């Protein structure tokens, strides 16, 4: 991984084709929410499939917790689709057969010249693609457990959600006074959307 990719730095806003062949930017997929980004070897790797199977349950929790999950692999669109469907995943899978991410982040897995994958990583991102934590998953147990990711998402959510503790007197007063900008989903984007409708 490039030496400048450390916690607190903004992760590159890659734009790649998703499993439907639509071009998607990471920032668009993230919106204003925390996001877990999985950099995967691809469908040929049993470790990556097992990891994705484990993420199925967490993804259901992430959906109700207003967090995002995205997988990028070096698979082509057909392989990406087959992998996603075979796992039963419902989050976006991005296809990078030109290895843009692999080259830019300097994560070519040189020990596998046959498949030329990227070294698997999991990156936990705060809103704005800010890196919170990076896991190197070359070895399977270097990858975060589901509980590790729950703890990371708790820390990121607590940091980015102004209404994390709605029992504070300040938040109660803000709500009673109609100042809802600190409350989800009444934040800046939501209030801007309401203004556009008026």
N, C-alpha and C. Protein backbone atom coordinates (compact mmCIF):
# COMPACT_ATOMS: atom_id res chain seq x y z
N UNK A 1 0.86 -1.19 0.00
CA UNK A 1 0.00 0.00 0.00
C UNK A 1 0.89 1.24 0.00
N UNK A 2 0.52 2.20 -0.81
CA UNK A 2 1.27 3.45 -0.85
C UNK A 2 1.48 4.01 0.55
N UNK A 3 2.65 4.57 0.79
CA UNK A 3 2.99 5.04 2.14
C UNK A 3 2.14 6.22 2.59
N UNK A 4 1.53 6.93 1.62
CA UNK A 4 0.70 8.08 2.02
C UNK A 4 -0.73 7.69 2.37
N UNK A 5 -1.07 6.42 2.22
CA UNK A 5 -2.42 5.96 2.56
C UNK A 5 -2.45 5.57 4.04
N UNK A 6 -2.77 6.54 4.88
CA UNK A 6 -2.77 6.35 6.33
C UNK A 6 -4.04 6.96 6.92
N UNK A 7 -4.41 6.58 8.14
CA UNK A 7 -5.60 7.16 8.76
C UNK A 7 -5.55 8.70 8.76
N UNK A 8 -6.69 9.29 8.42
CA UNK A 8 -6.82 10.74 8.36
C UNK A 8 -6.68 11.31 6.97
N UNK A 9 -6.15 10.51 6.04
CA UNK A 9 -5.95 10.95 4.65
C UNK A 9 -7.19 10.62 3.83
N UNK A 10 -7.46 11.41 2.81
CA UNK A 10 -8.60 11.14 1.92
C UNK A 10 -8.20 10.07 0.91
N UNK A 11 -8.99 9.01 0.85
CA UNK A 11 -8.76 7.91 -0.08
C UNK A 11 -9.12 8.36 -1.49
N UNK A 12 -8.42 7.86 -2.52
CA UNK A 12 -8.74 8.27 -3.89
C UNK A 12 -10.18 7.94 -4.28
N UNK A 13 -10.79 8.86 -5.00
CA UNK A 13 -12.19 8.70 -5.41
C UNK A 13 -12.25 8.00 -6.76
N UNK A 14 -11.95 6.70 -6.74
CA UNK A 14 -11.92 5.93 -7.98
C UNK A 14 -13.30 5.87 -8.62
N UNK A 15 -13.30 5.85 -9.96
CA UNK A 15 -14.54 5.67 -10.72
C UNK A 15 -14.38 4.43 -11.58
N UNK A 16 -15.24 3.44 -11.32
CA UNK A 16 -15.16 2.16 -12.00
C UNK A 16 -16.55 1.68 -12.38
N UNK A 17 -16.62 0.66 -13.23
CA UNK A 17 -17.90 0.07 -13.59
C UNK A 17 -18.39 -0.84 -12.48
N UNK A 18 -19.69 -0.72 -12.16
CA UNK A 18 -20.25 -1.63 -11.16
C UNK A 18 -20.73 -2.91 -11.84
N UNK A 19 -21.36 -3.77 -11.09
CA UNK A 19 -21.80 -5.07 -11.59
C UNK A 19 -22.86 -4.94 -12.70
N UNK A 20 -23.45 -3.75 -12.87
CA UNK A 20 -24.42 -3.53 -13.95
C UNK A 20 -23.79 -2.78 -15.13
N UNK A 21 -22.46 -2.57 -15.07
CA UNK A 21 -21.68 -1.85 -16.09
C UNK A 21 -21.90 -0.34 -16.03
N UNK A 22 -22.48 0.15 -14.95
CA UNK A 22 -22.65 1.59 -14.77
C UNK A 22 -21.42 2.15 -14.05
N UNK A 23 -20.90 3.28 -14.55
CA UNK A 23 -19.75 3.90 -13.92
C UNK A 23 -20.17 4.55 -12.60
N UNK A 24 -19.42 4.22 -11.53
CA UNK A 24 -19.74 4.73 -10.19
C UNK A 24 -18.48 5.25 -9.53
N UNK A 25 -18.59 6.40 -8.87
CA UNK A 25 -17.48 6.93 -8.08
C UNK A 25 -17.67 6.50 -6.64
N UNK A 26 -16.59 6.27 -5.94
CA UNK A 26 -16.68 5.87 -4.54
C UNK A 26 -17.43 6.90 -3.71
N UNK A 27 -17.18 8.18 -3.98
CA UNK A 27 -17.86 9.24 -3.21
C UNK A 27 -19.37 9.19 -3.41
N UNK A 28 -19.81 8.85 -4.61
CA UNK A 28 -21.24 8.73 -4.89
C UNK A 28 -21.83 7.55 -4.11
N UNK A 29 -21.11 6.45 -4.09
CA UNK A 29 -21.59 5.27 -3.38
C UNK A 29 -21.60 5.48 -1.87
N UNK A 30 -20.66 6.28 -1.38
CA UNK A 30 -20.58 6.54 0.06
C UNK A 30 -21.62 7.53 0.53
N UNK A 31 -21.89 8.56 -0.25
CA UNK A 31 -22.78 9.62 0.24
C UNK A 31 -22.17 10.26 1.47
N UNK A 32 -22.96 10.44 2.52
CA UNK A 32 -22.47 11.06 3.75
C UNK A 32 -22.30 10.05 4.88
N UNK A 33 -22.21 8.78 4.51
CA UNK A 33 -22.18 7.72 5.51
C UNK A 33 -20.80 7.09 5.66
N UNK A 34 -20.54 6.41 6.78
CA UNK A 34 -19.34 5.58 6.89
C UNK A 34 -19.39 4.48 5.84
N UNK A 35 -18.21 4.01 5.41
CA UNK A 35 -18.18 2.98 4.37
C UNK A 35 -17.04 2.01 4.62
N UNK A 36 -17.31 0.74 4.35
CA UNK A 36 -16.28 -0.29 4.36
C UNK A 36 -15.99 -0.64 2.91
N UNK A 37 -14.73 -0.50 2.51
CA UNK A 37 -14.30 -0.80 1.15
C UNK A 37 -13.43 -2.05 1.17
N UNK A 38 -13.85 -3.06 0.41
CA UNK A 38 -13.12 -4.32 0.33
C UNK A 38 -12.39 -4.37 -1.01
N UNK A 39 -11.07 -4.45 -0.96
CA UNK A 39 -10.26 -4.64 -2.17
C UNK A 39 -9.96 -6.12 -2.26
N UNK A 40 -10.54 -6.76 -3.27
CA UNK A 40 -10.59 -8.22 -3.35
C UNK A 40 -9.69 -8.77 -4.45
N UNK A 41 -9.16 -9.96 -4.22
CA UNK A 41 -8.43 -10.65 -5.29
C UNK A 41 -9.37 -10.96 -6.45
N UNK A 42 -10.56 -11.42 -6.11
CA UNK A 42 -11.53 -11.76 -7.15
C UNK A 42 -12.17 -13.11 -6.91
N UNK A 43 -12.99 -13.50 -7.86
CA UNK A 43 -13.83 -14.69 -7.69
C UNK A 43 -13.04 -15.98 -7.61
N UNK A 44 -11.79 -16.00 -8.09
CA UNK A 44 -11.01 -17.23 -8.06
C UNK A 44 -10.52 -17.58 -6.66
N UNK A 45 -10.56 -16.62 -5.73
CA UNK A 45 -9.94 -16.81 -4.42
C UNK A 45 -10.94 -17.31 -3.38
N UNK A 46 -10.73 -18.50 -2.82
CA UNK A 46 -11.67 -19.02 -1.81
C UNK A 46 -11.68 -18.18 -0.54
N UNK A 47 -10.56 -17.55 -0.20
CA UNK A 47 -10.52 -16.69 0.99
C UNK A 47 -11.42 -15.47 0.80
N UNK A 48 -11.40 -14.91 -0.40
CA UNK A 48 -12.24 -13.74 -0.67
C UNK A 48 -13.72 -14.12 -0.65
N UNK A 49 -14.04 -15.30 -1.19
CA UNK A 49 -15.44 -15.75 -1.15
C UNK A 49 -15.89 -15.96 0.29
N UNK A 50 -15.04 -16.56 1.11
CA UNK A 50 -15.41 -16.78 2.52
C UNK A 50 -15.59 -15.45 3.24
N UNK A 51 -14.72 -14.50 2.97
CA UNK A 51 -14.85 -13.18 3.58
C UNK A 51 -16.17 -12.54 3.17
N UNK A 52 -16.50 -12.61 1.88
CA UNK A 52 -17.75 -12.00 1.39
C UNK A 52 -18.96 -12.67 2.01
N UNK A 53 -18.91 -14.00 2.19
CA UNK A 53 -20.02 -14.70 2.84
C UNK A 53 -20.21 -14.19 4.27
N UNK A 54 -19.11 -13.93 4.96
CA UNK A 54 -19.20 -13.39 6.31
C UNK A 54 -19.76 -11.98 6.34
N UNK A 55 -19.50 -11.22 5.27
CA UNK A 55 -20.00 -9.85 5.21
C UNK A 55 -21.51 -9.77 4.93
N UNK A 56 -22.10 -10.89 4.50
CA UNK A 56 -23.55 -10.87 4.21
C UNK A 56 -24.36 -10.44 5.42
N UNK A 57 -24.10 -11.03 6.57
CA UNK A 57 -24.84 -10.70 7.78
C UNK A 57 -24.54 -9.27 8.22
N UNK A 58 -23.26 -8.90 8.17
CA UNK A 58 -22.88 -7.54 8.58
C UNK A 58 -23.55 -6.51 7.68
N UNK A 59 -23.67 -6.81 6.40
CA UNK A 59 -24.29 -5.85 5.48
C UNK A 59 -25.72 -5.54 5.88
N UNK A 60 -26.43 -6.54 6.36
CA UNK A 60 -27.80 -6.30 6.81
C UNK A 60 -27.81 -5.33 7.99
N UNK A 61 -26.82 -5.46 8.87
CA UNK A 61 -26.70 -4.52 9.99
C UNK A 61 -26.29 -3.13 9.50
N UNK A 62 -25.39 -3.10 8.53
CA UNK A 62 -24.91 -1.83 8.00
C UNK A 62 -26.04 -1.04 7.34
N UNK A 63 -26.94 -1.76 6.67
CA UNK A 63 -28.06 -1.07 6.02
C UNK A 63 -28.93 -0.33 7.04
N UNK A 64 -29.25 -0.99 8.15
CA UNK A 64 -30.08 -0.32 9.15
C UNK A 64 -29.26 0.67 9.99
N UNK A 65 -27.93 0.55 9.94
CA UNK A 65 -27.06 1.47 10.65
C UNK A 65 -26.57 2.62 9.78
N UNK A 66 -27.12 2.75 8.58
CA UNK A 66 -26.75 3.83 7.65
C UNK A 66 -25.25 3.84 7.37
N UNK A 67 -24.74 2.70 6.95
CA UNK A 67 -23.35 2.56 6.54
C UNK A 67 -23.33 1.87 5.17
N UNK A 68 -22.26 2.05 4.44
CA UNK A 68 -22.14 1.51 3.09
C UNK A 68 -21.05 0.45 3.03
N UNK A 69 -21.20 -0.45 2.05
CA UNK A 69 -20.23 -1.51 1.80
C UNK A 69 -20.02 -1.58 0.29
N UNK A 70 -18.76 -1.62 -0.14
CA UNK A 70 -18.41 -1.71 -1.56
C UNK A 70 -17.25 -2.68 -1.70
N UNK A 71 -17.28 -3.51 -2.75
CA UNK A 71 -16.18 -4.41 -3.07
C UNK A 71 -15.62 -4.03 -4.43
N UNK A 72 -14.30 -3.98 -4.54
CA UNK A 72 -13.61 -3.79 -5.82
C UNK A 72 -12.73 -5.00 -6.05
N UNK A 73 -12.78 -5.56 -7.26
CA UNK A 73 -11.87 -6.65 -7.63
C UNK A 73 -11.33 -6.42 -9.03
N UNK A 74 -10.35 -7.23 -9.41
CA UNK A 74 -9.79 -7.14 -10.75
C UNK A 74 -10.56 -8.02 -11.73
N UNK A 75 -11.67 -8.58 -11.31
CA UNK A 75 -12.53 -9.38 -12.20
C UNK A 75 -13.14 -8.51 -13.29
N UNK A 76 -13.44 -9.12 -14.43
CA UNK A 76 -14.20 -8.40 -15.45
C UNK A 76 -15.68 -8.35 -15.04
N UNK A 77 -16.50 -7.68 -15.83
CA UNK A 77 -17.92 -7.49 -15.45
C UNK A 77 -18.64 -8.83 -15.30
N UNK A 78 -18.42 -9.76 -16.21
CA UNK A 78 -19.09 -11.06 -16.13
C UNK A 78 -18.69 -11.80 -14.85
N UNK A 79 -17.41 -11.85 -14.57
CA UNK A 79 -16.93 -12.52 -13.36
C UNK A 79 -17.45 -11.81 -12.11
N UNK A 80 -17.47 -10.48 -12.15
CA UNK A 80 -17.97 -9.70 -11.02
C UNK A 80 -19.42 -10.04 -10.73
N UNK A 81 -20.23 -10.07 -11.78
CA UNK A 81 -21.65 -10.40 -11.63
C UNK A 81 -21.84 -11.81 -11.09
N UNK A 82 -21.11 -12.76 -11.66
CA UNK A 82 -21.25 -14.15 -11.23
C UNK A 82 -20.83 -14.31 -9.77
N UNK A 83 -19.75 -13.64 -9.40
CA UNK A 83 -19.27 -13.72 -8.02
C UNK A 83 -20.29 -13.13 -7.06
N UNK A 84 -20.77 -11.94 -7.38
CA UNK A 84 -21.75 -11.26 -6.52
C UNK A 84 -23.02 -12.10 -6.37
N UNK A 85 -23.53 -12.62 -7.49
CA UNK A 85 -24.74 -13.44 -7.44
C UNK A 85 -24.51 -14.74 -6.69
N UNK A 86 -23.37 -15.37 -6.92
CA UNK A 86 -23.07 -16.64 -6.25
C UNK A 86 -22.97 -16.50 -4.75
N UNK A 87 -22.47 -15.35 -4.29
CA UNK A 87 -22.37 -15.09 -2.85
C UNK A 87 -23.73 -14.73 -2.27
N UNK A 88 -24.58 -14.13 -3.10
CA UNK A 88 -25.88 -13.64 -2.64
C UNK A 88 -25.77 -12.24 -2.06
N UNK A 89 -24.77 -11.49 -2.55
CA UNK A 89 -24.53 -10.13 -2.03
C UNK A 89 -25.50 -9.13 -2.65
N UNK A 90 -25.76 -8.05 -1.90
CA UNK A 90 -26.66 -7.00 -2.38
C UNK A 90 -26.00 -5.62 -2.35
N UNK A 91 -24.70 -5.59 -2.11
CA UNK A 91 -24.00 -4.32 -2.13
C UNK A 91 -23.26 -4.18 -3.47
N UNK A 92 -22.82 -2.98 -3.81
CA UNK A 92 -22.15 -2.78 -5.10
C UNK A 92 -20.79 -3.48 -5.18
N UNK A 93 -20.57 -4.14 -6.30
CA UNK A 93 -19.27 -4.71 -6.64
C UNK A 93 -18.76 -3.93 -7.85
N UNK A 94 -17.53 -3.42 -7.76
CA UNK A 94 -16.93 -2.67 -8.85
C UNK A 94 -15.86 -3.53 -9.53
N UNK A 95 -15.80 -3.40 -10.84
CA UNK A 95 -14.90 -4.21 -11.67
C UNK A 95 -13.72 -3.36 -12.13
N UNK A 96 -12.51 -3.88 -11.91
CA UNK A 96 -11.30 -3.14 -12.28
C UNK A 96 -10.31 -4.06 -13.01
N UNK A 97 -10.71 -4.60 -14.19
CA UNK A 97 -9.81 -5.50 -14.90
C UNK A 97 -8.55 -4.80 -15.44
N UNK A 98 -8.59 -3.48 -15.58
CA UNK A 98 -7.39 -2.74 -16.03
C UNK A 98 -6.42 -2.49 -14.87
N UNK A 99 -6.85 -2.86 -13.65
CA UNK A 99 -6.02 -2.80 -12.45
C UNK A 99 -5.57 -1.37 -12.12
N UNK A 100 -6.49 -0.45 -12.28
CA UNK A 100 -6.24 0.96 -11.96
C UNK A 100 -5.93 1.11 -10.47
N UNK A 101 -6.77 0.50 -9.62
CA UNK A 101 -6.59 0.61 -8.17
C UNK A 101 -5.31 -0.11 -7.75
N UNK A 102 -5.10 -1.30 -8.27
CA UNK A 102 -3.91 -2.08 -7.94
C UNK A 102 -2.64 -1.28 -8.22
N UNK A 103 -2.57 -0.68 -9.40
CA UNK A 103 -1.37 0.08 -9.79
C UNK A 103 -1.25 1.38 -8.99
N UNK A 104 -2.36 2.09 -8.83
CA UNK A 104 -2.30 3.39 -8.15
C UNK A 104 -1.91 3.24 -6.69
N UNK A 105 -2.42 2.20 -6.04
CA UNK A 105 -2.13 2.00 -4.61
C UNK A 105 -0.87 1.16 -4.38
N UNK A 106 -0.27 0.66 -5.48
CA UNK A 106 0.93 -0.16 -5.39
C UNK A 106 0.67 -1.41 -4.54
N UNK A 107 -0.40 -2.14 -4.91
CA UNK A 107 -0.76 -3.34 -4.15
C UNK A 107 -0.85 -4.57 -5.07
N UNK A 108 0.00 -4.62 -6.09
CA UNK A 108 0.04 -5.82 -6.94
C UNK A 108 0.55 -6.99 -6.11
N UNK A 109 -0.17 -8.09 -6.19
CA UNK A 109 0.26 -9.29 -5.46
C UNK A 109 1.28 -10.02 -6.34
N UNK A 110 2.54 -9.63 -6.21
CA UNK A 110 3.60 -10.13 -7.09
C UNK A 110 3.86 -11.61 -6.90
N UNK A 111 3.36 -12.21 -5.81
CA UNK A 111 3.53 -13.64 -5.58
C UNK A 111 2.57 -14.48 -6.42
N UNK A 112 1.66 -13.83 -7.15
CA UNK A 112 0.71 -14.54 -8.00
C UNK A 112 0.73 -13.93 -9.40
N UNK A 113 1.76 -14.24 -10.19
CA UNK A 113 1.84 -13.67 -11.54
C UNK A 113 0.79 -14.23 -12.50
N UNK A 114 0.19 -15.36 -12.16
CA UNK A 114 -0.82 -15.97 -13.04
C UNK A 114 -2.10 -15.13 -13.05
N UNK A 115 -2.63 -14.82 -11.87
CA UNK A 115 -3.88 -14.05 -11.78
C UNK A 115 -3.65 -12.55 -11.70
N UNK A 116 -2.46 -12.13 -11.31
CA UNK A 116 -2.12 -10.72 -11.17
C UNK A 116 -3.19 -9.95 -10.38
N UNK A 117 -3.56 -10.44 -9.19
CA UNK A 117 -4.58 -9.73 -8.41
C UNK A 117 -3.96 -8.60 -7.59
N UNK A 118 -4.80 -7.88 -6.87
CA UNK A 118 -4.26 -6.93 -5.91
C UNK A 118 -4.23 -7.62 -4.54
N UNK A 119 -3.31 -7.17 -3.70
CA UNK A 119 -3.25 -7.70 -2.34
C UNK A 119 -4.55 -7.28 -1.65
N UNK A 120 -5.29 -8.22 -1.08
CA UNK A 120 -6.57 -7.87 -0.46
C UNK A 120 -6.39 -6.91 0.71
N UNK A 121 -7.23 -5.92 0.75
CA UNK A 121 -7.27 -4.97 1.85
C UNK A 121 -8.71 -4.66 2.20
N UNK A 122 -8.94 -4.26 3.43
CA UNK A 122 -10.23 -3.70 3.83
C UNK A 122 -9.94 -2.33 4.41
N UNK A 123 -10.64 -1.33 3.88
CA UNK A 123 -10.43 0.04 4.33
C UNK A 123 -11.74 0.56 4.91
N UNK A 124 -11.68 1.02 6.14
CA UNK A 124 -12.85 1.61 6.79
C UNK A 124 -12.74 3.12 6.59
N UNK A 125 -13.79 3.70 6.01
CA UNK A 125 -13.76 5.11 5.64
C UNK A 125 -14.79 5.93 6.41
N UNK A 126 -14.35 7.06 6.91
CA UNK A 126 -15.26 8.05 7.47
C UNK A 126 -15.90 8.80 6.31
N UNK A 127 -16.97 9.54 6.53
CA UNK A 127 -17.55 10.35 5.46
C UNK A 127 -16.47 11.23 4.81
N UNK A 128 -16.63 11.44 3.51
CA UNK A 128 -15.65 12.22 2.76
C UNK A 128 -14.46 11.38 2.33
N UNK A 129 -14.61 10.03 2.36
CA UNK A 129 -13.56 9.09 1.99
C UNK A 129 -12.30 9.23 2.85
N UNK A 130 -12.48 9.68 4.09
CA UNK A 130 -11.35 9.82 5.01
C UNK A 130 -11.02 8.45 5.60
N UNK A 131 -9.77 8.05 5.48
CA UNK A 131 -9.35 6.73 5.98
C UNK A 131 -9.40 6.70 7.51
N UNK A 132 -10.12 5.71 8.03
CA UNK A 132 -10.15 5.47 9.48
C UNK A 132 -9.18 4.35 9.84
N UNK A 133 -9.23 3.26 9.07
CA UNK A 133 -8.37 2.11 9.36
C UNK A 133 -8.15 1.31 8.09
N UNK A 134 -6.96 0.71 7.98
CA UNK A 134 -6.63 -0.15 6.83
C UNK A 134 -6.18 -1.51 7.37
N UNK A 135 -6.77 -2.57 6.80
CA UNK A 135 -6.38 -3.94 7.12
C UNK A 135 -5.75 -4.58 5.89
N UNK A 136 -4.60 -5.22 6.07
CA UNK A 136 -3.94 -5.95 4.99
C UNK A 136 -4.36 -7.41 5.10
N UNK A 137 -5.03 -7.93 4.07
CA UNK A 137 -5.57 -9.27 4.12
C UNK A 137 -4.86 -10.30 3.28
N UNK A 138 -3.56 -10.09 3.04
CA UNK A 138 -2.82 -11.10 2.27
C UNK A 138 -2.97 -12.47 2.93
N UNK A 139 -2.81 -12.50 4.25
CA UNK A 139 -3.16 -13.69 5.03
C UNK A 139 -4.57 -13.51 5.56
N UNK A 140 -5.35 -14.57 5.53
CA UNK A 140 -6.78 -14.46 5.87
C UNK A 140 -7.01 -13.83 7.23
N UNK A 141 -6.19 -14.18 8.22
CA UNK A 141 -6.44 -13.66 9.55
C UNK A 141 -5.86 -12.25 9.75
N UNK A 142 -5.33 -11.68 8.68
CA UNK A 142 -5.01 -10.26 8.70
C UNK A 142 -6.24 -9.41 8.38
N UNK A 143 -7.28 -10.07 7.89
CA UNK A 143 -8.51 -9.37 7.55
C UNK A 143 -9.34 -9.12 8.81
N UNK A 144 -10.12 -8.05 8.81
CA UNK A 144 -10.92 -7.79 10.01
C UNK A 144 -12.03 -8.81 10.17
N UNK A 145 -12.29 -9.16 11.41
CA UNK A 145 -13.46 -9.99 11.69
C UNK A 145 -14.70 -9.10 11.58
N UNK A 146 -15.85 -9.72 11.58
CA UNK A 146 -17.09 -8.95 11.57
C UNK A 146 -17.16 -8.08 12.82
N UNK A 147 -16.68 -8.60 13.94
CA UNK A 147 -16.69 -7.82 15.17
C UNK A 147 -15.73 -6.64 15.09
N UNK A 148 -14.56 -6.83 14.47
CA UNK A 148 -13.64 -5.71 14.25
C UNK A 148 -14.35 -4.59 13.49
N UNK A 149 -15.05 -4.97 12.43
CA UNK A 149 -15.73 -3.96 11.61
C UNK A 149 -16.87 -3.30 12.36
N UNK A 150 -17.58 -4.06 13.19
CA UNK A 150 -18.63 -3.46 14.03
C UNK A 150 -18.02 -2.38 14.94
N UNK A 151 -16.88 -2.70 15.54
CA UNK A 151 -16.23 -1.74 16.43
C UNK A 151 -15.76 -0.51 15.65
N UNK A 152 -15.20 -0.74 14.46
CA UNK A 152 -14.76 0.39 13.62
C UNK A 152 -15.94 1.27 13.23
N UNK A 153 -17.03 0.64 12.82
CA UNK A 153 -18.21 1.41 12.40
C UNK A 153 -18.83 2.14 13.57
N UNK A 154 -18.75 1.55 14.76
CA UNK A 154 -19.24 2.26 15.95
C UNK A 154 -18.40 3.51 16.19
N UNK A 155 -17.08 3.37 16.11
CA UNK A 155 -16.19 4.52 16.35
C UNK A 155 -16.41 5.61 15.30
N UNK A 156 -16.54 5.21 14.03
CA UNK A 156 -16.74 6.20 12.96
C UNK A 156 -18.11 6.85 13.10
N UNK A 157 -19.13 6.06 13.37
CA UNK A 157 -20.48 6.61 13.51
C UNK A 157 -20.56 7.58 14.68
N UNK A 158 -19.94 7.21 15.79
CA UNK A 158 -19.94 8.09 16.96
C UNK A 158 -19.27 9.41 16.64
N UNK A 159 -18.22 9.36 15.80
CA UNK A 159 -17.47 10.55 15.43
C UNK A 159 -18.24 11.44 14.45
N UNK A 160 -19.00 10.81 13.52
CA UNK A 160 -19.62 11.61 12.44
C UNK A 160 -21.10 11.89 12.64
N UNK A 161 -21.72 11.27 13.62
CA UNK A 161 -23.15 11.51 13.86
C UNK A 161 -23.33 12.49 15.02
N UNK A 162 -23.69 13.74 14.73
CA UNK A 162 -23.85 14.72 15.81
C UNK A 162 -24.92 14.32 16.83
N UNK A 163 -25.86 13.48 16.40
CA UNK A 163 -26.95 13.07 17.30
C UNK A 163 -26.70 11.69 17.91
N UNK A 164 -25.41 11.30 18.03
CA UNK A 164 -25.08 9.98 18.58
C UNK A 164 -25.72 9.76 19.95
N UNK A 165 -25.67 10.78 20.79
CA UNK A 165 -26.27 10.67 22.12
C UNK A 165 -27.38 11.72 22.23
N UNK A 166 -28.60 11.32 21.91
CA UNK A 166 -29.70 12.29 21.89
C UNK A 166 -30.22 12.61 23.29
N UNK A 167 -29.58 12.05 24.33
CA UNK A 167 -30.01 12.36 25.70
C UNK A 167 -29.39 13.65 26.23
N UNK A 168 -28.45 14.24 25.48
CA UNK A 168 -27.82 15.46 26.00
C UNK A 168 -28.82 16.61 26.03
N UNK A 169 -28.74 17.47 27.03
CA UNK A 169 -29.65 18.61 27.11
C UNK A 169 -29.59 19.51 25.88
N UNK A 170 -28.39 19.66 25.30
CA UNK A 170 -28.23 20.52 24.13
C UNK A 170 -29.03 20.00 22.93
N UNK A 171 -28.97 18.69 22.71
CA UNK A 171 -29.71 18.12 21.58
C UNK A 171 -31.22 18.15 21.83
N UNK A 172 -31.63 17.87 23.06
CA UNK A 172 -33.06 17.96 23.37
C UNK A 172 -33.58 19.37 23.12
N UNK A 173 -32.80 20.36 23.54
CA UNK A 173 -33.21 21.76 23.34
C UNK A 173 -33.26 22.10 21.85
N UNK A 174 -32.26 21.63 21.10
CA UNK A 174 -32.23 21.91 19.66
C UNK A 174 -33.47 21.33 18.98
N UNK A 175 -33.85 20.11 19.37
CA UNK A 175 -35.02 19.47 18.77
C UNK A 175 -36.30 20.27 19.12
N UNK A 176 -36.42 20.62 20.36
CA UNK A 176 -37.62 21.35 20.80
C UNK A 176 -37.72 22.72 20.14
N UNK A 177 -36.59 23.30 19.79
CA UNK A 177 -36.58 24.61 19.14
C UNK A 177 -36.66 24.50 17.62
N UNK A 178 -36.79 23.28 17.10
CA UNK A 178 -36.92 23.09 15.66
C UNK A 178 -35.61 23.13 14.90
N UNK A 179 -34.50 23.13 15.61
CA UNK A 179 -33.18 23.11 14.96
C UNK A 179 -32.78 21.66 14.73
N UNK A 180 -33.20 21.11 13.59
CA UNK A 180 -33.04 19.67 13.35
C UNK A 180 -31.82 19.31 12.51
N UNK A 181 -30.99 20.28 12.18
CA UNK A 181 -29.83 20.03 11.33
C UNK A 181 -28.83 19.04 11.90
N UNK A 182 -28.83 18.83 13.21
CA UNK A 182 -27.90 17.88 13.83
C UNK A 182 -28.46 16.46 13.91
N UNK A 183 -29.69 16.27 13.46
CA UNK A 183 -30.34 14.97 13.60
C UNK A 183 -30.43 14.26 12.26
N UNK A 184 -30.21 12.94 12.29
CA UNK A 184 -30.35 12.13 11.09
C UNK A 184 -31.82 11.81 10.88
N UNK A 185 -32.41 11.97 9.71
CA UNK A 185 -31.78 12.34 8.44
C UNK A 185 -31.90 13.83 8.13
N UNK A 186 -32.10 14.65 9.13
CA UNK A 186 -32.37 16.07 8.90
C UNK A 186 -31.11 16.90 8.69
N UNK A 187 -29.98 16.26 8.38
CA UNK A 187 -28.74 16.98 8.20
C UNK A 187 -28.75 17.91 7.00
N UNK A 188 -27.59 18.41 6.68
CA UNK A 188 -27.42 19.42 5.64
C UNK A 188 -28.03 19.01 4.30
N UNK A 189 -27.71 17.82 3.82
CA UNK A 189 -28.20 17.38 2.51
C UNK A 189 -29.72 17.29 2.50
N UNK A 190 -30.29 16.73 3.56
CA UNK A 190 -31.74 16.59 3.65
C UNK A 190 -32.41 17.96 3.65
N UNK A 191 -31.88 18.88 4.42
CA UNK A 191 -32.47 20.22 4.49
C UNK A 191 -32.30 20.98 3.17
N UNK A 192 -31.18 20.73 2.47
CA UNK A 192 -31.00 21.34 1.15
C UNK A 192 -32.04 20.80 0.17
N UNK A 193 -32.32 19.50 0.27
CA UNK A 193 -33.31 18.89 -0.60
C UNK A 193 -34.70 19.49 -0.35
N UNK A 194 -35.03 19.70 0.92
CA UNK A 194 -36.31 20.33 1.23
C UNK A 194 -36.38 21.74 0.68
N UNK A 195 -35.28 22.46 0.76
CA UNK A 195 -35.23 23.83 0.22
C UNK A 195 -35.43 23.85 -1.28
N UNK A 196 -34.91 22.84 -1.98
CA UNK A 196 -35.07 22.77 -3.44
C UNK A 196 -36.53 22.50 -3.81
N UNK A 197 -37.27 21.83 -2.95
CA UNK A 197 -38.67 21.50 -3.24
C UNK A 197 -39.58 22.71 -3.05
N UNK A 198 -39.15 23.64 -2.19
CA UNK A 198 -39.99 24.81 -1.90
C UNK A 198 -40.07 25.76 -3.08
